Amino acid sequence: MTSPRFVLRYRGEGPAPEADVGQVHDLGGAVVVDASARMLLVEADDPGALRDLAGNLSDWIFAPEQPYPLPDTRARVERPSG
């Protein structure tokens, strides 16, 4: 079973500070799964520790990942009613 995932989004000016990103990488029990210039997707064994870290970092938002099912886009032949 995988750990719960969380999104950390930087709301400040420019890209996320490297020092802040480094603190997330260094957090025990947390793995950065994906990253962009202003967002991190993190798997965390201890969500409370990640939430506390995000709360102590300036201009960061912490939220649980929201998965959405993908629609089925396969073409189908519709049968005439009859």
C-alpha atoms as a PDB file:
ATOM      1  CA  MET A   1       0.000   0.000   0.000  1.00  0.00           C
ATOM      2  CA  THR A   2       1.319   3.437  -0.889  1.00  0.00           C
ATOM      3  CA  SER A   3       1.467   6.322   1.513  1.00  0.00           C
ATOM      4  CA  PRO A   4      -1.036   9.146   1.135  1.00  0.00           C
ATOM      5  CA  ARG A   5      -0.008  11.864  -1.313  1.00  0.00           C
ATOM      6  CA  PHE A   6      -0.082  15.600  -0.776  1.00  0.00           C
ATOM      7  CA  VAL A   7       0.413  18.656  -2.963  1.00  0.00           C
ATOM      8  CA  LEU A   8       2.544  21.539  -1.763  1.00  0.00           C
ATOM      9  CA  ARG A   9       2.125  24.687  -3.861  1.00  0.00           C
ATOM     10  CA  TYR A  10       4.331  27.767  -3.596  1.00  0.00           C
ATOM     11  CA  ARG A  11       2.337  31.025  -3.745  1.00  0.00           C
ATOM     12  CA  GLY A  12       5.261  33.462  -3.590  1.00  0.00           C
ATOM     13  CA  GLU A  13       6.954  35.289  -6.444  1.00  0.00           C
ATOM     14  CA  GLY A  14       8.999  33.244  -8.918  1.00  0.00           C
ATOM     15  CA  PRO A  15       9.983  29.608  -8.514  1.00  0.00           C
ATOM     16  CA  ALA A  16       9.929  27.839  -5.157  1.00  0.00           C
ATOM     17  CA  PRO A  17      13.002  28.560  -2.992  1.00  0.00           C
ATOM     18  CA  GLU A  18      15.567  25.751  -3.236  1.00  0.00           C
ATOM     19  CA  ALA A  19      16.067  25.816   0.547  1.00  0.00           C
ATOM     20  CA  ASP A  20      12.348  25.104   1.110  1.00  0.00           C
ATOM     21  CA  VAL A  21      12.307  22.309  -1.484  1.00  0.00           C
ATOM     22  CA  GLY A  22      15.420  20.854   0.153  1.00  0.00           C
ATOM     23  CA  GLN A  23      13.680  20.747   3.536  1.00  0.00           C
ATOM     24  CA  VAL A  24      10.816  18.750   2.014  1.00  0.00           C
ATOM     25  CA  HIS A  25      13.300  16.348   0.384  1.00  0.00           C
ATOM     26  CA  ASP A  26      15.092  15.936   3.728  1.00  0.00           C
ATOM     27  CA  LEU A  27      11.917  15.202   5.714  1.00  0.00           C
ATOM     28  CA  GLY A  28      12.027  11.640   7.018  1.00  0.00           C
ATOM     29  CA  GLY A  29       9.247   9.410   5.733  1.00  0.00           C
ATOM     30  CA  ALA A  30       8.475  11.746   2.821  1.00  0.00           C
ATOM     31  CA  VAL A  31       9.279  11.142  -0.841  1.00  0.00           C
ATOM     32  CA  VAL A  32       8.904  13.799  -3.539  1.00  0.00           C
ATOM     33  CA  VAL A  33       7.138  11.920  -6.337  1.00  0.00           C
ATOM     34  CA  ASP A  34       6.953  14.798  -8.829  1.00  0.00           C
ATOM     35  CA  ALA A  35       7.985  18.436  -8.898  1.00  0.00           C
ATOM     36  CA  SER A  36       7.558  21.538 -11.011  1.00  0.00           C
ATOM     37  CA  ALA A  37       8.831  25.080 -10.515  1.00  0.00           C
ATOM     38  CA  ARG A  38       6.070  25.892  -7.997  1.00  0.00           C
ATOM     39  CA  MET A  39       4.545  22.552  -6.914  1.00  0.00           C
ATOM     40  CA  LEU A  40       5.595  19.324  -5.220  1.00  0.00           C
ATOM     41  CA  LEU A  41       3.723  16.021  -5.093  1.00  0.00           C
ATOM     42  CA  VAL A  42       4.826  14.242  -1.922  1.00  0.00           C
ATOM     43  CA  GLU A  43       4.107  10.786  -0.483  1.00  0.00           C
ATOM     44  CA  ALA A  44       4.286  10.989   3.302  1.00  0.00           C
ATOM     45  CA  ASP A  45       4.247   8.281   5.950  1.00  0.00           C
ATOM     46  CA  ASP A  46       3.556  10.995   8.540  1.00  0.00           C
ATOM     47  CA  PRO A  47       1.180  13.603   7.056  1.00  0.00           C
ATOM     48  CA  GLY A  48       1.300  15.627  10.293  1.00  0.00           C
ATOM     49  CA  ALA A  49       5.046  16.200   9.980  1.00  0.00           C
ATOM     50  CA  LEU A  50       4.637  17.314   6.357  1.00  0.00           C
ATOM     51  CA  ARG A  51       1.729  19.612   7.306  1.00  0.00           C
ATOM     52  CA  ASP A  52       3.815  21.140  10.112  1.00  0.00           C
ATOM     53  CA  LEU A  53       6.776  21.687   7.793  1.00  0.00           C
ATOM     54  CA  ALA A  54       4.563  23.315   5.147  1.00  0.00           C
ATOM     55  CA  GLY A  55       3.025  25.543   7.832  1.00  0.00           C
ATOM     56  CA  ASN A  56       6.480  26.720   8.892  1.00  0.00           C
ATOM     57  CA  LEU A  57       7.570  27.519   5.339  1.00  0.00           C
ATOM     58  CA  SER A  58       6.577  30.925   4.019  1.00  0.00           C
ATOM     59  CA  ASP A  59       4.054  31.099   1.133  1.00  0.00           C
ATOM     60  CA  TRP A  60       3.323  27.363   0.845  1.00  0.00           C
ATOM     61  CA  ILE A  61      -0.114  25.684   0.649  1.00  0.00           C
ATOM     62  CA  PHE A  62      -0.585  22.083   1.805  1.00  0.00           C
ATOM     63  CA  ALA A  63      -3.467  19.936   0.476  1.00  0.00           C
ATOM     64  CA  PRO A  64      -4.212  16.244   0.020  1.00  0.00           C
ATOM     65  CA  GLU A  65      -3.982  14.965  -3.555  1.00  0.00           C
ATOM     66  CA  GLN A  66      -7.394  14.817  -5.249  1.00  0.00           C
ATOM     67  CA  PRO A  67      -7.461  11.923  -7.736  1.00  0.00           C
ATOM     68  CA  TYR A  68     -10.097  12.038 -10.464  1.00  0.00           C
ATOM     69  CA  PRO A  69     -11.203   9.082 -12.603  1.00  0.00           C
ATOM     70  CA  LEU A  70     -10.409   9.424 -16.279  1.00  0.00           C
ATOM     71  CA  PRO A  71     -13.389   9.282 -18.613  1.00  0.00           C
ATOM     72  CA  ASP A  72     -13.737   6.339 -20.965  1.00  0.00           C
ATOM     73  CA  THR A  73     -13.185   7.875 -24.419  1.00  0.00           C
ATOM     74  CA  ARG A  74     -13.416   4.667 -26.444  1.00  0.00           C
ATOM     75  CA  ALA A  75     -15.764   4.929 -29.400  1.00  0.00           C
ATOM     76  CA  ARG A  76     -18.890   2.781 -29.170  1.00  0.00           C
ATOM     77  CA  VAL A  77     -21.428   1.725 -31.737  1.00  0.00           C
ATOM     78  CA  GLU A  78     -24.898   2.670 -30.621  1.00  0.00           C
ATOM     79  CA  ARG A  79     -27.592   0.129 -31.317  1.00  0.00           C
ATOM     80  CA  PRO A  80     -30.864   1.392 -32.736  1.00  0.00           C
ATOM     81  CA  SER A  81     -33.778   1.217 -30.341  1.00  0.00           C
ATOM     82  CA  GLY A  82     -36.345  -1.026 -31.511  1.00  0.00           C
END
